[in-house]
Amino acid sequence: MNLLFLFLQQNVSSISIAAENTIEEVATTVKINFLELSLKGGWVMIPILILSIIAVYIFIERYFAIKKAATEDATFMTEIRNFIVQGKIDEARMLCKTNTSPVALMIDKGISRIGKPLADVREAIENVGKLEVYKLEKGLPTVATVAGAAPMLGFLGTVLGMVRAFFDMANAAGGNFSITMLSNGIYTAMVTTVAGLIVGIVAYIAYNTLVVKVDKVVNKLELRATEFMDLLNEPTE
């Protein structure tokens, strides 16, 4: 029993030492600097970084621009209705000019066409609405391009990294090669893949977020245009 106890104690000690060594190795691995890891990706990381900066800038700028466009005075259409019913066209247009929202610009164009056929009024409103939506969508195609191009650049880095790894393997002196010799190529392959996917995923989410917000503004414009046309179609007392 004593011999068995000593044998088990020695095995437990050996396992403990091995576990401590493993933990130390993992801790050392975790200490890899993010910048140093990024540099392992090579020159492909530069266009990926540029694309990420472009996508973030456009997202932030468009997000607040669309948010501002979606903001509307709750009493705006009520006041417009009162002015139109009372025949105060100039006051209605003045109210629109004090409000820079797409809805106000669209309604102002409609008011300026009062007296003309309703089809002309509707067409004028729709043209302004389309122009405002076009302004809101500025930059969205670029974000969509980043969402598609970043993963492709990451894949390009993967291919270049594997080519480099096989090149180093083929040119190893005497056919003797180690994993250390292949590390640079493998680093390039893996790091660029991860970077490209991260940028692509973030850009894709950003693009769809902006599209949803623009759609909400479009729905609001359509609703306000319909309200205005209904107002013009109301019978006068």
Protein backbone atom coordinates (compact mmCIF):
# COMPACT_ATOMS: atom_id res chain seq x y z
CA MET A 1 0.00 0.00 0.00
CA ASN A 2 2.82 2.37 0.82
CA LEU A 3 4.45 1.70 -2.55
CA LEU A 4 1.14 2.31 -4.32
CA PHE A 5 0.65 5.53 -2.38
CA LEU A 6 4.15 6.75 -3.30
CA PHE A 7 3.57 5.85 -6.96
CA LEU A 8 0.30 7.79 -7.09
CA GLN A 9 1.88 10.74 -5.30
CA GLN A 10 4.71 10.90 -7.85
CA ASN A 11 2.24 10.74 -10.76
CA VAL A 12 0.10 13.50 -9.27
CA SER A 13 3.21 15.66 -8.81
CA SER A 14 4.26 15.06 -12.40
CA ILE A 15 0.79 15.96 -13.67
CA SER A 16 0.76 19.12 -11.56
CA ILE A 17 4.13 20.22 -12.92
CA ALA A 18 2.99 19.53 -16.49
CA ALA A 19 -0.22 21.49 -15.92
CA GLU A 20 1.72 24.43 -14.51
CA ASN A 21 4.02 24.44 -17.53
CA THR A 22 1.05 24.31 -19.86
CA ILE A 23 -0.62 27.23 -18.08
CA GLU A 24 2.58 29.25 -18.31
CA GLU A 25 2.80 28.54 -22.05
CA VAL A 26 -0.83 29.57 -22.58
CA ALA A 27 -0.30 32.74 -20.56
CA THR A 28 2.72 33.57 -22.69
CA THR A 29 0.71 32.98 -25.85
CA VAL A 30 -2.13 35.23 -24.67
CA LYS A 31 0.32 38.08 -24.16
CA ILE A 32 0.75 38.48 -27.94
CA ASN A 33 0.36 42.15 -28.76
CA PHE A 34 -2.59 42.96 -31.04
CA LEU A 35 -0.47 45.30 -33.15
CA GLU A 36 2.26 42.70 -33.56
CA LEU A 37 -0.34 40.14 -34.55
CA SER A 38 -1.82 42.53 -37.12
CA LEU A 39 1.60 43.17 -38.63
CA LYS A 40 1.92 39.43 -39.21
CA GLY A 41 -0.84 39.80 -41.80
CA GLY A 42 1.44 41.70 -44.16
CA TRP A 43 0.47 44.39 -46.64
CA VAL A 44 -3.04 42.97 -47.13
CA MET A 45 -3.93 44.36 -43.70
CA ILE A 46 -3.49 47.92 -45.02
CA PRO A 47 -6.44 47.91 -47.47
CA ILE A 48 -8.53 46.01 -44.91
CA LEU A 49 -7.77 48.72 -42.34
CA ILE A 50 -8.62 51.47 -44.85
CA LEU A 51 -11.93 49.78 -45.67
CA SER A 52 -12.78 49.48 -41.99
CA ILE A 53 -12.13 53.20 -41.41
CA ILE A 54 -14.28 54.14 -44.42
CA ALA A 55 -17.14 51.91 -43.26
CA VAL A 56 -17.07 53.24 -39.69
CA TYR A 57 -16.96 56.86 -40.86
CA ILE A 58 -19.86 56.45 -43.29
CA PHE A 59 -21.94 54.53 -40.75
CA ILE A 60 -21.55 57.17 -38.04
CA GLU A 61 -22.17 60.08 -40.43
CA ARG A 62 -25.19 58.46 -42.10
CA TYR A 63 -26.64 57.20 -38.82
CA PHE A 64 -26.97 60.67 -37.35
CA ALA A 65 -28.03 62.20 -40.69
CA ILE A 66 -30.86 59.67 -41.06
CA LYS A 67 -31.79 60.04 -37.41
CA LYS A 68 -32.09 63.81 -37.90
CA ALA A 69 -34.19 63.31 -41.04
CA ALA A 70 -36.54 60.99 -39.15
CA THR A 71 -37.14 63.60 -36.43
CA GLU A 72 -40.46 65.34 -36.97
CA ASP A 73 -42.52 67.88 -35.06
CA ALA A 74 -45.65 66.10 -33.87
CA THR A 75 -47.80 69.19 -34.56
CA PHE A 76 -46.35 69.97 -38.00
CA MET A 77 -49.06 68.37 -40.16
CA THR A 78 -51.81 69.70 -37.88
CA GLU A 79 -50.55 73.25 -38.28
CA ILE A 80 -50.19 72.78 -42.04
CA ARG A 81 -53.78 71.56 -42.21
CA ASN A 82 -55.04 74.57 -40.26
CA PHE A 83 -53.17 77.02 -42.49
CA ILE A 84 -54.38 75.37 -45.70
CA VAL A 85 -58.00 75.26 -44.52
CA GLN A 86 -57.83 78.94 -43.55
CA GLY A 87 -56.24 79.83 -46.88
CA LYS A 88 -52.99 81.00 -45.24
CA ILE A 89 -50.66 79.65 -47.91
CA ASP A 90 -47.77 82.00 -47.12
CA GLU A 91 -47.88 81.08 -43.43
CA ALA A 92 -47.88 77.38 -44.34
CA ARG A 93 -44.82 77.80 -46.56
CA MET A 94 -43.06 79.84 -43.89
CA LEU A 95 -43.65 77.01 -41.42
CA CYS A 96 -42.12 74.54 -43.89
CA LYS A 97 -39.07 76.74 -44.43
CA THR A 98 -38.38 76.89 -40.69
CA ASN A 99 -38.21 73.09 -40.68
CA THR A 100 -35.42 71.44 -42.66
CA SER A 101 -36.75 67.87 -42.45
CA PRO A 102 -37.46 65.94 -45.68
CA VAL A 103 -41.17 65.98 -44.83
CA ALA A 104 -41.20 69.78 -44.61
CA LEU A 105 -39.32 70.15 -47.90
CA MET A 106 -41.75 67.78 -49.59
CA ILE A 107 -44.85 69.50 -48.22
CA ASP A 108 -43.47 72.92 -49.14
CA LYS A 109 -43.13 71.80 -52.74
CA GLY A 110 -46.70 70.54 -52.68
CA ILE A 111 -48.01 73.81 -51.25
CA SER A 112 -46.20 75.76 -53.96
CA ARG A 113 -48.17 73.75 -56.55
CA ILE A 114 -51.60 74.39 -55.03
CA GLY A 115 -54.01 75.49 -57.75
CA LYS A 116 -52.56 73.17 -60.34
CA PRO A 117 -53.97 69.71 -61.20
CA LEU A 118 -53.63 67.24 -58.35
CA ALA A 119 -51.56 64.94 -60.56
CA ASP A 120 -48.97 67.68 -60.95
CA VAL A 121 -48.97 68.31 -57.20
CA ARG A 122 -48.44 64.62 -56.45
CA GLU A 123 -45.66 64.36 -59.03
CA ALA A 124 -43.87 67.37 -57.55
CA ILE A 125 -44.10 65.89 -54.06
CA GLU A 126 -42.85 62.50 -55.21
CA ASN A 127 -39.88 64.05 -57.02
CA VAL A 128 -38.80 65.89 -53.88
CA GLY A 129 -39.29 62.74 -51.82
CA LYS A 130 -37.13 60.71 -54.19
CA LEU A 131 -34.40 63.35 -54.05
CA GLU A 132 -34.41 63.36 -50.27
CA VAL A 133 -34.24 59.56 -50.13
CA TYR A 134 -31.35 59.63 -52.57
CA LYS A 135 -29.52 62.02 -50.24
CA LEU A 136 -30.15 59.74 -47.26
CA GLU A 137 -28.83 56.71 -49.14
CA LYS A 138 -25.55 58.45 -50.01
CA GLY A 139 -22.65 56.28 -48.91
CA LEU A 140 -24.69 53.09 -48.39
CA PRO A 141 -23.38 51.42 -51.57
CA THR A 142 -19.85 52.04 -50.30
CA VAL A 143 -20.61 50.27 -47.02
CA ALA A 144 -22.10 47.37 -48.99
CA THR A 145 -18.92 47.25 -51.08
CA VAL A 146 -16.79 47.08 -47.92
CA ALA A 147 -18.97 44.24 -46.62
CA GLY A 148 -18.16 42.24 -49.75
CA ALA A 149 -14.59 43.37 -50.43
CA ALA A 150 -13.11 42.94 -46.94
CA PRO A 151 -13.65 39.14 -46.77
CA MET A 152 -12.29 38.82 -50.32
CA LEU A 153 -9.14 40.68 -49.30
CA GLY A 154 -8.88 38.39 -46.30
CA PHE A 155 -9.14 35.39 -48.62
CA LEU A 156 -6.45 36.92 -50.83
CA GLY A 157 -4.21 37.19 -47.78
CA THR A 158 -4.94 33.55 -47.00
CA VAL A 159 -3.85 32.46 -50.47
CA LEU A 160 -0.71 34.62 -50.32
CA GLY A 161 0.14 33.23 -46.89
CA MET A 162 -0.21 29.64 -48.04
CA VAL A 163 1.88 30.38 -51.14
CA ARG A 164 4.57 31.81 -48.90
CA ALA A 165 4.40 28.82 -46.57
CA PHE A 166 4.77 26.32 -49.42
CA PHE A 167 7.53 28.42 -50.97
CA ASP A 168 9.49 28.33 -47.71
CA MET A 169 8.85 24.61 -47.46
CA ALA A 170 10.06 23.97 -51.02
CA ASN A 171 13.22 26.02 -50.51
CA ALA A 172 14.17 24.52 -47.17
CA ALA A 173 17.83 23.48 -47.20
CA GLY A 174 18.16 19.75 -47.69
CA GLY A 175 14.44 19.28 -47.34
CA ASN A 176 14.68 20.01 -43.62
CA PHE A 177 11.89 22.29 -42.52
CA SER A 178 10.05 23.00 -39.29
CA ILE A 179 6.82 24.63 -38.24
CA THR A 180 8.82 27.73 -37.34
CA MET A 181 9.80 28.18 -40.98
CA LEU A 182 6.15 28.02 -41.99
CA SER A 183 4.90 30.35 -39.24
CA ASN A 184 5.16 33.57 -41.25
CA GLY A 185 3.04 32.25 -44.10
CA ILE A 186 0.51 30.69 -41.73
CA TYR A 187 0.29 33.92 -39.72
CA THR A 188 -0.42 35.88 -42.91
CA ALA A 189 -3.09 33.40 -43.94
CA MET A 190 -4.91 33.27 -40.62
CA VAL A 191 -4.64 36.91 -39.54
CA THR A 192 -5.86 38.34 -42.84
CA THR A 193 -8.76 35.89 -42.90
CA VAL A 194 -9.88 36.89 -39.41
CA ALA A 195 -9.46 40.62 -40.11
CA GLY A 196 -11.34 40.44 -43.41
CA LEU A 197 -14.22 38.51 -41.88
CA ILE A 198 -14.52 40.86 -38.91
CA VAL A 199 -14.59 43.97 -41.10
CA GLY A 200 -16.99 42.31 -43.55
CA ILE A 201 -19.42 41.21 -40.85
CA VAL A 202 -19.42 44.59 -39.11
CA ALA A 203 -19.91 46.42 -42.43
CA TYR A 204 -22.75 44.07 -43.38
CA ILE A 205 -24.55 44.72 -40.09
CA ALA A 206 -23.94 48.47 -40.44
CA TYR A 207 -25.33 48.48 -43.99
CA ASN A 208 -28.52 46.66 -43.05
CA THR A 209 -28.99 48.90 -40.02
CA LEU A 210 -28.84 52.00 -42.23
CA VAL A 211 -31.15 50.44 -44.83
CA VAL A 212 -33.78 49.75 -42.17
CA LYS A 213 -33.59 53.33 -40.90
CA VAL A 214 -33.88 54.74 -44.43
CA ASP A 215 -36.92 52.53 -45.07
CA LYS A 216 -38.59 53.99 -41.98
CA VAL A 217 -38.01 57.51 -43.30
CA VAL A 218 -39.40 56.49 -46.71
CA ASN A 219 -42.55 55.12 -45.08
CA LYS A 220 -42.96 58.35 -43.15
CA LEU A 221 -42.57 60.42 -46.32
CA GLU A 222 -45.19 58.33 -48.10
CA LEU A 223 -47.57 58.69 -45.17
CA ARG A 224 -47.18 62.48 -45.02
CA ALA A 225 -47.57 62.79 -48.80
CA THR A 226 -50.80 60.83 -48.62
CA GLU A 227 -52.08 63.02 -45.76
CA PHE A 228 -51.31 66.16 -47.75
CA MET A 229 -53.04 64.89 -50.89
CA ASP A 230 -56.07 63.86 -48.82
CA LEU A 231 -56.12 67.38 -47.43
CA LEU A 232 -56.22 68.86 -50.93
CA ASN A 233 -58.97 66.42 -51.90
CA GLU A 234 -61.19 67.41 -48.99
CA PRO A 235 -64.34 69.27 -50.11
CA THR A 236 -64.39 72.93 -49.18
CA GLU A 237 -67.26 74.16 -47.04
